Amino acid sequence: MYEGNVDVIEYVNWKDGGCDLHPACLECPLPKCIEEEPRGRQRRRLKCRAEAMKEMRGQGRSGREIAGAFGVSTRTVQRALQGRNNGNGHKHNKNSKSQIPNKGENSRL
């Protein structure tokens, strides 16, 4: 007879309700649950937003138009387009060159 803690899912009253990303936890395609990652849900949301902003930029929309569509500042759009702190856990290196022109240069932002 086994004496100790039994952590077997068959003995736990648990409903696999999933989350807003996938309807069932046990069938989720993500390698790790976003609930287990620090700020996982926020990081995923910001990454998706940055991808959408990049797509709009690719369609020729200006930074001001993108900012208005998402209800954020043009600086937030600039950071997302540069890949700065957009949910991937890495902040932009200050020493690297910016891919978006400065204010003095001709820019579509």
Protein backbone atom coordinates (compact mmCIF):
# COMPACT_ATOMS: atom_id res chain seq x y z
CA MET A 1 0.00 0.00 0.00
CA TYR A 2 1.26 3.47 -0.92
CA GLU A 3 1.66 5.97 1.91
CA GLY A 4 2.25 9.52 0.74
CA ASN A 5 0.89 12.25 -1.45
CA VAL A 6 -0.91 11.09 -4.54
CA ASP A 7 -0.64 13.65 -7.34
CA VAL A 8 -2.41 11.76 -10.06
CA ILE A 9 -4.89 13.68 -12.19
CA GLU A 10 -7.44 10.87 -11.95
CA TYR A 11 -7.80 11.61 -8.23
CA VAL A 12 -8.24 15.35 -8.62
CA ASN A 13 -11.54 17.04 -9.33
CA TRP A 14 -10.28 19.29 -12.14
CA LYS A 15 -12.07 20.56 -15.22
CA ASP A 16 -9.91 21.25 -18.28
CA GLY A 17 -11.46 24.59 -19.15
CA GLY A 18 -8.47 25.97 -21.04
CA CYS A 19 -7.95 29.71 -21.37
CA ASP A 20 -8.58 32.49 -23.86
CA LEU A 21 -5.83 31.07 -26.13
CA HIS A 22 -6.98 27.46 -26.33
CA PRO A 23 -10.15 25.69 -25.13
CA ALA A 24 -8.32 22.74 -23.50
CA CYS A 25 -5.07 22.83 -21.51
CA LEU A 26 -4.16 19.24 -22.25
CA GLU A 27 -4.41 19.84 -26.01
CA CYS A 28 -2.78 23.29 -26.09
CA PRO A 29 -0.10 23.68 -28.79
CA LEU A 30 2.05 26.04 -26.68
CA PRO A 31 5.20 24.41 -25.27
CA LYS A 32 4.61 26.05 -21.88
CA CYS A 33 1.44 27.48 -20.38
CA ILE A 34 1.33 31.28 -20.39
CA GLU A 35 0.03 31.12 -16.83
CA GLU A 36 3.36 29.57 -15.76
CA GLU A 37 5.48 32.29 -17.36
CA PRO A 38 6.14 35.57 -15.52
CA ARG A 39 3.76 38.13 -17.05
CA GLY A 40 3.01 35.51 -19.71
CA ARG A 41 -0.40 36.80 -20.72
CA GLN A 42 0.85 40.41 -20.92
CA ARG A 43 3.93 39.43 -22.94
CA ARG A 44 1.83 37.45 -25.41
CA ARG A 45 -0.64 40.31 -25.81
CA LEU A 46 2.14 42.85 -26.45
CA LYS A 47 3.83 40.53 -28.93
CA CYS A 48 0.58 40.08 -30.88
CA ARG A 49 0.00 43.84 -30.83
CA ALA A 50 3.52 44.52 -32.13
CA GLU A 51 3.02 42.02 -34.96
CA ALA A 52 -0.25 43.71 -35.92
CA MET A 53 1.47 47.11 -35.88
CA LYS A 54 4.25 45.79 -38.13
CA GLU A 55 1.65 44.41 -40.52
CA MET A 56 -0.11 47.79 -40.69
CA ARG A 57 3.24 49.48 -41.30
CA GLY A 58 3.86 47.05 -44.14
CA GLN A 59 0.56 48.16 -45.64
CA GLY A 60 1.87 51.73 -45.76
CA ARG A 61 0.06 53.14 -42.71
CA SER A 62 1.82 55.96 -40.86
CA GLY A 63 2.90 55.75 -37.24
CA ARG A 64 0.24 58.28 -36.30
CA GLU A 65 -2.48 56.19 -37.99
CA ILE A 66 -1.26 53.02 -36.25
CA ALA A 67 -1.15 54.79 -32.88
CA GLY A 68 -4.71 56.00 -33.36
CA ALA A 69 -5.93 52.54 -34.30
CA PHE A 70 -4.48 51.00 -31.13
CA GLY A 71 -5.08 53.95 -28.81
CA VAL A 72 -1.38 54.33 -27.95
CA SER A 73 1.28 57.00 -28.45
CA THR A 74 3.45 57.20 -31.56
CA ARG A 75 6.44 56.43 -29.32
CA THR A 76 4.82 53.11 -28.34
CA VAL A 77 4.42 52.35 -32.04
CA GLN A 78 8.09 53.19 -32.63
CA ARG A 79 9.18 50.82 -29.86
CA ALA A 80 6.99 48.04 -31.23
CA LEU A 81 8.34 48.50 -34.76
CA GLN A 82 11.90 48.46 -33.45
CA GLY A 83 11.23 45.32 -31.44
CA ARG A 84 11.85 47.10 -28.14
CA ASN A 85 10.30 45.33 -25.19
CA ASN A 86 7.42 44.00 -27.29
CA GLY A 87 6.71 40.92 -25.28
CA ASN A 88 9.77 38.90 -26.19
CA GLY A 89 11.47 39.59 -22.87
CA HIS A 90 14.40 41.48 -24.41
CA LYS A 91 14.80 45.21 -24.26
CA HIS A 92 16.40 47.16 -27.08
CA ASN A 93 20.15 47.71 -26.74
CA LYS A 94 20.90 51.44 -26.43
CA ASN A 95 24.13 51.05 -28.41
CA SER A 96 22.51 49.51 -31.48
CA LYS A 97 21.37 51.67 -34.38
CA SER A 98 17.71 52.53 -34.62
CA GLN A 99 15.85 51.31 -37.67
CA ILE A 100 13.48 54.27 -37.53
CA PRO A 101 14.82 57.71 -38.47
CA ASN A 102 15.18 60.44 -35.86
CA LYS A 103 12.76 63.37 -35.75
CA GLY A 104 15.08 65.54 -37.86
CA GLU A 105 15.16 63.05 -40.72
CA ASN A 106 12.30 62.49 -43.13
CA SER A 107 10.09 59.96 -41.49
CA ARG A 108 6.61 58.64 -42.11
CA LEU A 109 5.96 58.38 -38.36
